[in-house]
Amino acid sequence: MAVNCCWRFWAVCMLTFPSTFSLQEEQPRVLLVSFDGFRWDYINRVPAPHFHYVMKNGVHVKQVTNVFITKTYPNHYTMVTGLYAESHGIVANEMYDPILNRTFSMNHMDIYHAQFWEEACPIWVTNQMEGHRSGAAMWPGTDVRIRGVLPTHYMMYNESVSFEDRVSHLIDWFTSENPINFGLLYWEQPDEMGHILGPENPLMRVVINETDAKLGYLVSELKKAKLWDTVNIIITSDHGMAQSSSKRLIELDQYVDREWYTMVDHSPVVAILPKEGKLDEVYESLVNAHPNMTVYKKEEIPSRLHYKHNSRIQPVLAVADIGWEIVKNKTNPFLLGNHGYDNTLPEMHSIFLAHGPAFRKNATKGAMNMTDLYPLLCHLLGINPLPNNGSFSNVEDILARPVPRELHPRDYEKESYAYFIGVSLGTILIIVFLVVFMKHLTHSQIPTVQARHTEIAQPLLQG
């Protein structure tokens, strides 16, 4: 009877606190993949079976509007902060900070000064501050100590490291004894060949096919590691690509004295730092210089671009029309394919596919903003988003299960507190159960004489 009572007690506890006694749910895992310069329409130009396989088994967003300027570093930092470039501070691939009196240059890999990155806090830092682990394979900024933090696992940027080696590291990190819950993977193609050939070149078909094969390799390796159906995977890109031509060059030397300014960032959006006392002269020389070039003083940059409230944005900005290039003169090299143009242009839009237990299957969404990716990632990881320019409500319809409400940081705190209380109560109940069970088990094995003594004692206890 005593044992019966104990089991009844245990059953009541299990019914009352089911979540307390169950093992903690497996940590949600996310892999974010970027194929640099993969324009949104590349997947429809040539057979791309692996991209279409992901689309069929997951979600495809047709139009992703990235942030201005549509270049690599600004948009990769937007993906992991949810902020416009003017807010996160990585405003271009080439920057000058007048406060730090330092230059940031992707071309010279002069990018490791943490001060450039610390106007924002990227998601891997937040993820780790909340007790999780991150792993990054060449993602821009992940080899910089931001807020004093590096990813749990990371690879110093080296373009010569193969895609396969990058994938191998990520698989190891996801399956290790202390696994990561968040991985980031970056690949330079098809951007590099897009610059050399131009997106309209028929040879780009081969490049797109090769990129599709890389995705196929990733999917295959995830399946081998039994991660494909358990990890939420997002495949995206930072920008598109537009065709340029030697017949569409705007030569600044024809309009302004090159001794009057420094060109900080280059075509097709040129950041111009006038020499002291030369601001008005430079601006007046360029503002109506060419019909395919729009020139702004910093304070006149349209608000819709979210690109004027930062000291790293230079006093004069020259923006070329799509397909046009701005150079000092024709002796300067130029690219047959380029990006950086207005972010509303379709040629600049990027790709977005998602697959995993959190996402719908064979679903299509019309449009989203690149800033919306960050709150989506935070939701998938179950971490608190920092203030950002994105909107989770814009993308929650791609999820397999409806979200009753958007979780704010205070909600996460409440849930964590409730979980802690539940675990504490559950632990106490387990201890009580074990004590009672052991007591009755011991009593059931005591000789009958002792049992009679116990019965005699009962009235005294009841009194």
Foldseek 3Di string as FASTA:
>chain_A
DLVVVLVVLVVVVCVVQVVQPDDDDDFAAEEEEAAAAAALCLCVPAPLPLVVVLLQFFEWARFAQEAFQLDDPQQLQLLFALAHCLQQQCRDQWWAFPVVRDIHHPVVNNHQDQVNGASTDGNQNQQVVVPFAEEEEQRPPQVHQHVNDHGPYYDDHDLPDDLVVSLVVQLCQCPDPRHGRYYYYYHHPPVVVCQAQPPVHPVVNVRSNVVSVSSVVSCVVCVVSVNQARHKYKYKYRWHKFFADLVFEAACLVFDDPVQWDFRDFPPKTQIAGDPPCLVVSCVSPCPPDPFKHKDQLVPPDVVNVPRNHSRRHRMIIHGHTRHGYDNDPVDDGTRMDGRHDSVDSRTTMIIGIHYQFFDGSYYHHYAYSSQSNLVVCVSSVGARDDHDHDVVVPQVGTPDHDPDRDHPVNSVVVVVVSVVSNVVSVVSVVVSVVSSVVVVVLVPDDPVVVVVVVVCVVVVVD
